C-alpha atoms as a PDB file:
ATOM      1  CA  MET A   1      28.877   9.203 -24.647  1.00  0.00           C
ATOM      2  CA  LYS A   2      26.804   9.821 -27.548  1.00  0.00           C
ATOM      3  CA  GLY A   3      23.015  11.719 -26.739  1.00  0.00           C
ATOM      4  CA  ARG A   4      19.995   9.155 -26.548  1.00  0.00           C
ATOM      5  CA  SER A   5      17.275   9.100 -28.807  1.00  0.00           C
ATOM      6  CA  CYS A   6      13.879  10.743 -27.530  1.00  0.00           C
ATOM      7  CA  ALA A   7      12.338   7.292 -27.718  1.00  0.00           C
ATOM      8  CA  TRP A   8      15.069   5.648 -25.377  1.00  0.00           C
ATOM      9  CA  VAL A   9      14.809   8.641 -22.743  1.00  0.00           C
ATOM     10  CA  ARG A  10      10.831   8.429 -22.949  1.00  0.00           C
ATOM     11  CA  GLU A  11      10.942   4.508 -22.563  1.00  0.00           C
ATOM     12  CA  THR A  12      13.597   5.052 -19.527  1.00  0.00           C
ATOM     13  CA  TYR A  13      11.535   7.618 -17.854  1.00  0.00           C
ATOM     14  CA  ARG A  14       8.614   5.673 -18.476  1.00  0.00           C
ATOM     15  CA  THR A  15      10.067   2.436 -16.616  1.00  0.00           C
ATOM     16  CA  ARG A  16      11.495   4.543 -13.919  1.00  0.00           C
ATOM     17  CA  PHE A  17       8.261   6.157 -12.742  1.00  0.00           C
ATOM     18  CA  GLY A  18       6.682   3.218 -13.035  1.00  0.00           C
ATOM     19  CA  ILE A  19       9.442   1.683 -10.215  1.00  0.00           C
ATOM     20  CA  GLU A  20       8.964   4.748  -8.026  1.00  0.00           C
ATOM     21  CA  SER A  21       5.297   4.653  -8.271  1.00  0.00           C
ATOM     22  CA  SER A  22       5.226   1.195  -7.176  1.00  0.00           C
ATOM     23  CA  TYR A  23       7.359   1.919  -4.103  1.00  0.00           C
ATOM     24  CA  ARG A  24       5.016   4.920  -3.181  1.00  0.00           C
ATOM     25  CA  GLN A  25       1.791   2.610  -3.551  1.00  0.00           C
ATOM     26  CA  MET A  26       3.803  -0.162  -1.273  1.00  0.00           C
ATOM     27  CA  ASN A  27       4.734   2.774   1.313  1.00  0.00           C
ATOM     28  CA  GLN A  28       1.151   3.490   1.691  1.00  0.00           C
ATOM     29  CA  ALA A  29       0.181  -0.346   2.672  1.00  0.00           C
ATOM     30  CA  ARG A  30       3.293  -0.761   4.872  1.00  0.00           C
ATOM     31  CA  GLY A  31       2.947  -1.063   8.424  1.00  0.00           C
ATOM     32  CA  ARG A  32       4.473   1.651  10.836  1.00  0.00           C
ATOM     33  CA  THR A  33       7.115   0.454  13.595  1.00  0.00           C
ATOM     34  CA  SER A  34       9.487   1.544  15.579  1.00  0.00           C
ATOM     35  CA  SER A  35      10.977  -2.027  16.429  1.00  0.00           C
ATOM     36  CA  ARG A  36      14.443  -2.543  14.981  1.00  0.00           C
ATOM     37  CA  ARG A  37      13.809  -6.195  14.461  1.00  0.00           C
ATOM     38  CA  PRO A  38      14.722  -7.175  10.850  1.00  0.00           C
ATOM     39  CA  GLU A  39      12.360 -10.085  10.559  1.00  0.00           C
ATOM     40  CA  LEU A  40       9.473  -7.439  11.663  1.00  0.00           C
ATOM     41  CA  ARG A  41      10.314  -5.016   9.378  1.00  0.00           C
ATOM     42  CA  LEU A  42      10.813  -7.357   6.870  1.00  0.00           C
ATOM     43  CA  MET A  43       7.129  -9.056   7.518  1.00  0.00           C
ATOM     44  CA  TYR A  44       5.720  -5.285   7.011  1.00  0.00           C
ATOM     45  CA  MET A  45       7.450  -4.964   3.742  1.00  0.00           C
ATOM     46  CA  GLY A  46       6.187  -8.280   2.682  1.00  0.00           C
ATOM     47  CA  LEU A  47       3.035  -7.584   3.167  1.00  0.00           C
ATOM     48  CA  ALA A  48       2.915  -4.367   1.796  1.00  0.00           C
ATOM     49  CA  LEU A  49       3.881  -6.188  -1.611  1.00  0.00           C
ATOM     50  CA  LEU A  50       1.381  -8.606  -1.423  1.00  0.00           C
ATOM     51  CA  LEU A  51      -1.235  -5.882  -0.575  1.00  0.00           C
ATOM     52  CA  ARG A  52      -0.244  -3.930  -3.725  1.00  0.00           C
ATOM     53  CA  ASN A  53       0.229  -6.900  -6.103  1.00  0.00           C
ATOM     54  CA  GLU A  54      -3.619  -8.089  -5.149  1.00  0.00           C
ATOM     55  CA  TRP A  55      -4.819  -4.558  -5.858  1.00  0.00           C
ATOM     56  CA  VAL A  56      -2.969  -4.714  -9.314  1.00  0.00           C
ATOM     57  CA  TRP A  57      -4.289  -8.139  -9.897  1.00  0.00           C
ATOM     58  CA  LEU A  58      -7.664  -6.895  -9.065  1.00  0.00           C
ATOM     59  CA  HIS A  59      -7.575  -4.160 -11.525  1.00  0.00           C
ATOM     60  CA  PHE A  60      -6.321  -6.337 -14.363  1.00  0.00           C
ATOM     61  CA  GLU A  61      -8.513  -9.065 -13.654  1.00  0.00           C
ATOM     62  CA  VAL A  62     -11.558  -7.670 -12.607  1.00  0.00           C
ATOM     63  CA  LEU A  63     -11.957  -4.147 -12.872  1.00  0.00           C
ATOM     64  CA  SER A  64     -10.441  -3.470 -16.352  1.00  0.00           C
ATOM     65  CA  SER A  65     -12.558  -3.094 -19.364  1.00  0.00           C
ATOM     66  CA  PRO A  66     -11.812  -5.271 -22.383  1.00  0.00           C
ATOM     67  CA  ARG A  67     -11.180  -3.694 -25.472  1.00  0.00           C
ATOM     68  CA  ARG A  68      -9.178  -4.179 -28.574  1.00  0.00           C
ATOM     69  CA  GLY A  69      -5.713  -4.580 -28.287  1.00  0.00           C
ATOM     70  CA  GLY A  70      -5.597  -5.126 -24.418  1.00  0.00           C
ATOM     71  CA  ARG A  71      -7.232  -4.271 -21.544  1.00  0.00           C
ATOM     72  CA  SER A  72      -8.311  -0.817 -20.537  1.00  0.00           C
ATOM     73  CA  ILE A  73      -7.002  -0.282 -16.633  1.00  0.00           C
ATOM     74  CA  ARG A  74      -8.923   2.570 -14.843  1.00  0.00           C
ATOM     75  CA  PRO A  75      -7.563   3.025 -11.206  1.00  0.00           C
ATOM     76  CA  GLU A  76     -10.231   5.448 -10.436  1.00  0.00           C
ATOM     77  CA  ARG A  77     -12.551   2.462  -9.966  1.00  0.00           C
ATOM     78  CA  LEU A  78     -10.670   1.590  -6.727  1.00  0.00           C
ATOM     79  CA  ARG A  79      -7.811   3.400  -5.615  1.00  0.00           C
ATOM     80  CA  LEU A  80      -5.154   1.647  -3.268  1.00  0.00           C
ATOM     81  CA  ARG A  81      -5.737   3.839  -0.316  1.00  0.00           C
ATOM     82  CA  ALA A  82      -9.634   2.932  -0.487  1.00  0.00           C
ATOM     83  CA  MET A  83      -8.537  -0.613  -0.979  1.00  0.00           C
ATOM     84  CA  LEU A  84      -6.856  -0.352   2.345  1.00  0.00           C
ATOM     85  CA  HIS A  85      -9.332   1.355   4.305  1.00  0.00           C
ATOM     86  CA  TRP A  86     -12.114  -1.273   2.962  1.00  0.00           C
ATOM     87  CA  LEU A  87      -9.592  -4.081   4.267  1.00  0.00           C
ATOM     88  CA  LEU A  88      -9.199  -2.132   7.873  1.00  0.00           C
ATOM     89  CA  GLN A  89     -13.175  -1.752   8.234  1.00  0.00           C
ATOM     90  CA  VAL A  90     -13.382  -5.515   7.688  1.00  0.00           C
ATOM     91  CA  ILE A  91     -10.435  -6.498   9.821  1.00  0.00           C
ATOM     92  CA  GLU A  92     -12.378  -4.565  12.951  1.00  0.00           C
ATOM     93  CA  GLU A  93     -16.002  -5.678  11.974  1.00  0.00           C
ATOM     94  CA  THR A  94     -14.605  -9.320  12.306  1.00  0.00           C
ATOM     95  CA  TYR A  95     -11.874  -8.871  14.886  1.00  0.00           C
ATOM     96  CA  GLY A  96     -13.238  -5.639  16.789  1.00  0.00           C
ATOM     97  CA  THR A  97     -10.941  -2.954  18.002  1.00  0.00           C
ATOM     98  CA  ILE A  98      -9.180  -2.245  21.112  1.00  0.00           C
ATOM     99  CA  SER A  99     -10.612   0.862  22.938  1.00  0.00           C
ATOM    100  CA  GLU A 100      -8.879   0.574  26.546  1.00  0.00           C
ATOM    101  CA  THR A 101      -5.889  -1.517  27.865  1.00  0.00           C
ATOM    102  CA  THR A 102      -4.646  -1.906  31.504  1.00  0.00           C
ATOM    103  CA  THR A 103      -1.571  -0.018  32.308  1.00  0.00           C
ATOM    104  CA  GLU A 104       1.176  -0.325  35.230  1.00  0.00           C
ATOM    105  CA  ARG A 105       0.810   3.413  36.350  1.00  0.00           C
ATOM    106  CA  PRO A 106      -1.920   5.651  36.816  1.00  0.00           C
ATOM    107  CA  LEU A 107      -2.986   8.248  34.084  1.00  0.00           C
ATOM    108  CA  CYS A 108      -1.531  11.808  34.461  1.00  0.00           C
ATOM    109  CA  SER A 109      -5.379  12.791  34.903  1.00  0.00           C
ATOM    110  CA  GLU A 110      -5.557  10.636  37.961  1.00  0.00           C
ATOM    111  CA  LEU A 111      -2.509  11.693  39.295  1.00  0.00           C
ATOM    112  CA  LEU A 112      -3.878  15.599  39.223  1.00  0.00           C
ATOM    113  CA  ASN A 113      -6.932  14.885  41.193  1.00  0.00           C
END
């Protein structure tokens, strides 16, 4: 095999880095579960992909700055993790949070008394 050009190596690495960054960001948004149900795990993966794509769209259409030769993307304007926290706050304000639940068995602290 012949040696590759510097430009080829640069472009190949750039492409690979983009793929790895996408997976890392998608995993930030993926729901955690211990379920073995493939349909539930696939749904969580789909939602994570959807949230990441919405984040990319927001940056391109809303948060980018127009400039000659294309748009200037500035990810510091809204980080993915910040968007996810904001969405969580909106969901909690809209639907509330669960702070208590009933159990079938007494709590450990009740057993000690």
